[in-house]
Amino acid sequence: MTSKEFSACQKEDPDLGVLIGHLHGSLKSNAKSKVAKQMLRDRKKSRFRNRVLYGERDDYGDTVFQLVLPAKFHLQALQGVRDEVGHMDQEDFIQGDSLCMEWVKLSEII
């Protein structure tokens, strides 16, 4: 999938679309879902790279960018990580260096 295609998937996501619209200045904060409201609260941690939205976080002094996944990719991503690194408990999974993606309420899914 190209960055242009992935960017389109992010924009199509109902919650991510609200955040992306807000970051581009084309939408006012009309978030209705809890997920979209949380994304808007955390918007200062959002960065675009090659038109794709990433979340920025500090990892022991290093800046790390995590791909922000549209909801339709959540299950596929979790299965891929599990297949790659094996079974982990929730805290290890979320804090693990192998996790290069993020989404709101990730811990509730695991």
C-alpha atoms as a PDB file:
ATOM      1  CA  MET A   1       0.000   0.000   0.000  1.00  0.00           C
ATOM      2  CA  THR A   2       1.427   3.382  -0.950  1.00  0.00           C
ATOM      3  CA  SER A   3       1.505   6.339   1.424  1.00  0.00           C
ATOM      4  CA  LYS A   4      -1.136   8.036  -0.722  1.00  0.00           C
ATOM      5  CA  GLU A   5      -3.445   5.012  -0.381  1.00  0.00           C
ATOM      6  CA  PHE A   6      -2.797   4.717   3.353  1.00  0.00           C
ATOM      7  CA  SER A   7      -3.415   8.430   3.823  1.00  0.00           C
ATOM      8  CA  ALA A   8      -6.768   7.995   2.052  1.00  0.00           C
ATOM      9  CA  CYS A   9      -7.641   5.129   4.437  1.00  0.00           C
ATOM     10  CA  GLN A  10      -6.833   7.353   7.408  1.00  0.00           C
ATOM     11  CA  LYS A  11      -9.076  10.128   6.056  1.00  0.00           C
ATOM     12  CA  GLU A  12     -11.935   7.656   5.467  1.00  0.00           C
ATOM     13  CA  ASP A  13     -11.851   6.489   9.084  1.00  0.00           C
ATOM     14  CA  PRO A  14     -14.676   8.317  10.919  1.00  0.00           C
ATOM     15  CA  ASP A  15     -12.561   9.242  13.955  1.00  0.00           C
ATOM     16  CA  LEU A  16      -9.245   9.838  12.215  1.00  0.00           C
ATOM     17  CA  GLY A  17     -11.041  11.902   9.580  1.00  0.00           C
ATOM     18  CA  VAL A  18     -12.168  14.346  12.277  1.00  0.00           C
ATOM     19  CA  LEU A  19      -8.610  14.704  13.585  1.00  0.00           C
ATOM     20  CA  ILE A  20      -7.081  15.045  10.121  1.00  0.00           C
ATOM     21  CA  GLY A  21      -9.668  17.639   9.132  1.00  0.00           C
ATOM     22  CA  HIS A  22      -8.963  19.580  12.301  1.00  0.00           C
ATOM     23  CA  LEU A  23      -5.183  19.427  11.782  1.00  0.00           C
ATOM     24  CA  HIS A  24      -5.568  20.700   8.217  1.00  0.00           C
ATOM     25  CA  GLY A  25      -7.837  23.482   9.453  1.00  0.00           C
ATOM     26  CA  SER A  26     -10.773  22.389   7.330  1.00  0.00           C
ATOM     27  CA  LEU A  27     -13.032  21.201  10.156  1.00  0.00           C
ATOM     28  CA  LYS A  28     -13.987  22.581  13.501  1.00  0.00           C
ATOM     29  CA  SER A  29     -14.003  20.257  16.492  1.00  0.00           C
ATOM     30  CA  ASN A  30     -17.294  18.441  15.934  1.00  0.00           C
ATOM     31  CA  ALA A  31     -16.114  15.151  17.385  1.00  0.00           C
ATOM     32  CA  LYS A  32     -18.987  13.001  18.559  1.00  0.00           C
ATOM     33  CA  SER A  33     -17.294   9.748  19.535  1.00  0.00           C
ATOM     34  CA  LYS A  34     -15.091   9.293  22.593  1.00  0.00           C
ATOM     35  CA  VAL A  35     -12.251   8.133  20.365  1.00  0.00           C
ATOM     36  CA  ALA A  36     -12.363  11.262  18.187  1.00  0.00           C
ATOM     37  CA  LYS A  37     -12.557  13.495  21.271  1.00  0.00           C
ATOM     38  CA  GLN A  38      -9.479  11.784  22.736  1.00  0.00           C
ATOM     39  CA  MET A  39      -7.625  12.190  19.434  1.00  0.00           C
ATOM     40  CA  LEU A  40      -8.402  15.894  19.407  1.00  0.00           C
ATOM     41  CA  ARG A  41      -7.140  16.244  22.985  1.00  0.00           C
ATOM     42  CA  ASP A  42      -3.877  14.555  21.968  1.00  0.00           C
ATOM     43  CA  ARG A  43      -3.555  16.391  18.641  1.00  0.00           C
ATOM     44  CA  LYS A  44      -0.297  18.096  19.632  1.00  0.00           C
ATOM     45  CA  LYS A  45       1.334  14.661  19.421  1.00  0.00           C
ATOM     46  CA  SER A  46       0.215  14.203  15.805  1.00  0.00           C
ATOM     47  CA  ARG A  47       2.609  14.623  12.882  1.00  0.00           C
ATOM     48  CA  PHE A  48       2.284  14.174   9.148  1.00  0.00           C
ATOM     49  CA  ARG A  49       5.094  12.499   7.267  1.00  0.00           C
ATOM     50  CA  ASN A  50       4.607  12.009   3.565  1.00  0.00           C
ATOM     51  CA  ARG A  51       0.861  12.790   4.022  1.00  0.00           C
ATOM     52  CA  VAL A  52       0.489   9.919   6.529  1.00  0.00           C
ATOM     53  CA  LEU A  53      -0.482  10.620  10.146  1.00  0.00           C
ATOM     54  CA  TYR A  54       1.855   9.491  12.925  1.00  0.00           C
ATOM     55  CA  GLY A  55       1.758   9.888  16.670  1.00  0.00           C
ATOM     56  CA  GLU A  56       4.875  11.262  18.321  1.00  0.00           C
ATOM     57  CA  ARG A  57       6.002  10.024  21.722  1.00  0.00           C
ATOM     58  CA  ASP A  58       9.067  10.164  23.887  1.00  0.00           C
ATOM     59  CA  ASP A  59      10.824   6.866  24.494  1.00  0.00           C
ATOM     60  CA  TYR A  60      13.494   7.394  27.142  1.00  0.00           C
ATOM     61  CA  GLY A  61      14.691  10.630  25.556  1.00  0.00           C
ATOM     62  CA  ASP A  62      14.292   9.534  21.939  1.00  0.00           C
ATOM     63  CA  THR A  63      11.436  10.755  19.774  1.00  0.00           C
ATOM     64  CA  VAL A  64       9.529   7.844  18.262  1.00  0.00           C
ATOM     65  CA  PHE A  65       6.883   8.089  15.555  1.00  0.00           C
ATOM     66  CA  GLN A  66       4.095   5.522  15.591  1.00  0.00           C
ATOM     67  CA  LEU A  67       1.844   4.943  12.615  1.00  0.00           C
ATOM     68  CA  VAL A  68      -1.764   5.834  13.444  1.00  0.00           C
ATOM     69  CA  LEU A  69      -3.897   2.967  12.187  1.00  0.00           C
ATOM     70  CA  PRO A  70      -7.441   3.298  10.918  1.00  0.00           C
ATOM     71  CA  ALA A  71      -9.851   1.088  12.862  1.00  0.00           C
ATOM     72  CA  LYS A  72     -10.272  -1.338   9.971  1.00  0.00           C
ATOM     73  CA  PHE A  73      -6.618  -2.408  10.353  1.00  0.00           C
ATOM     74  CA  HIS A  74      -6.566  -2.892  14.152  1.00  0.00           C
ATOM     75  CA  LEU A  75      -7.274  -6.634  14.281  1.00  0.00           C
ATOM     76  CA  GLN A  76      -4.925  -7.403  11.400  1.00  0.00           C
ATOM     77  CA  ALA A  77      -2.125  -5.440  13.084  1.00  0.00           C
ATOM     78  CA  LEU A  78      -2.621  -7.159  16.442  1.00  0.00           C
ATOM     79  CA  GLN A  79      -2.561 -10.573  14.803  1.00  0.00           C
ATOM     80  CA  GLY A  80       0.613  -9.654  12.910  1.00  0.00           C
ATOM     81  CA  VAL A  81       2.422  -8.512  16.046  1.00  0.00           C
ATOM     82  CA  ARG A  82       1.306 -11.619  17.920  1.00  0.00           C
ATOM     83  CA  ASP A  83       2.513 -13.852  15.096  1.00  0.00           C
ATOM     84  CA  GLU A  84       5.842 -12.014  14.998  1.00  0.00           C
ATOM     85  CA  VAL A  85       6.708 -11.796  18.711  1.00  0.00           C
ATOM     86  CA  GLY A  86       4.487 -14.407  20.326  1.00  0.00           C
ATOM     87  CA  HIS A  87       2.160 -14.074  23.290  1.00  0.00           C
ATOM     88  CA  MET A  88       2.820 -11.134  25.628  1.00  0.00           C
ATOM     89  CA  ASP A  89       0.894  -9.739  28.556  1.00  0.00           C
ATOM     90  CA  GLN A  90      -0.958  -6.468  28.020  1.00  0.00           C
ATOM     91  CA  GLU A  91       1.635  -4.132  29.575  1.00  0.00           C
ATOM     92  CA  ASP A  92       4.566  -5.698  27.712  1.00  0.00           C
ATOM     93  CA  PHE A  93       2.626  -5.542  24.471  1.00  0.00           C
ATOM     94  CA  ILE A  94       1.740  -1.856  24.776  1.00  0.00           C
ATOM     95  CA  GLN A  95       5.176  -0.772  25.999  1.00  0.00           C
ATOM     96  CA  GLY A  96       7.123  -3.129  23.748  1.00  0.00           C
ATOM     97  CA  ASP A  97       9.664  -1.801  21.292  1.00  0.00           C
ATOM     98  CA  SER A  98       8.055  -3.935  18.599  1.00  0.00           C
ATOM     99  CA  LEU A  99       4.904  -1.795  18.642  1.00  0.00           C
ATOM    100  CA  CYS A 100       5.257   0.807  15.913  1.00  0.00           C
ATOM    101  CA  MET A 101       1.598   1.745  15.707  1.00  0.00           C
ATOM    102  CA  GLU A 102      -0.939   3.389  17.932  1.00  0.00           C
ATOM    103  CA  TRP A 103      -4.606   4.032  18.352  1.00  0.00           C
ATOM    104  CA  VAL A 104      -6.872   5.342  21.067  1.00  0.00           C
ATOM    105  CA  LYS A 105      -8.053   2.712  23.558  1.00  0.00           C
ATOM    106  CA  LEU A 106      -5.528   0.140  22.348  1.00  0.00           C
ATOM    107  CA  SER A 107      -5.274  -1.278  25.867  1.00  0.00           C
ATOM    108  CA  GLU A 108      -9.012  -2.051  25.922  1.00  0.00           C
ATOM    109  CA  ILE A 109      -8.687  -4.302  22.861  1.00  0.00           C
ATOM    110  CA  ILE A 110      -5.754  -6.355  24.097  1.00  0.00           C
END
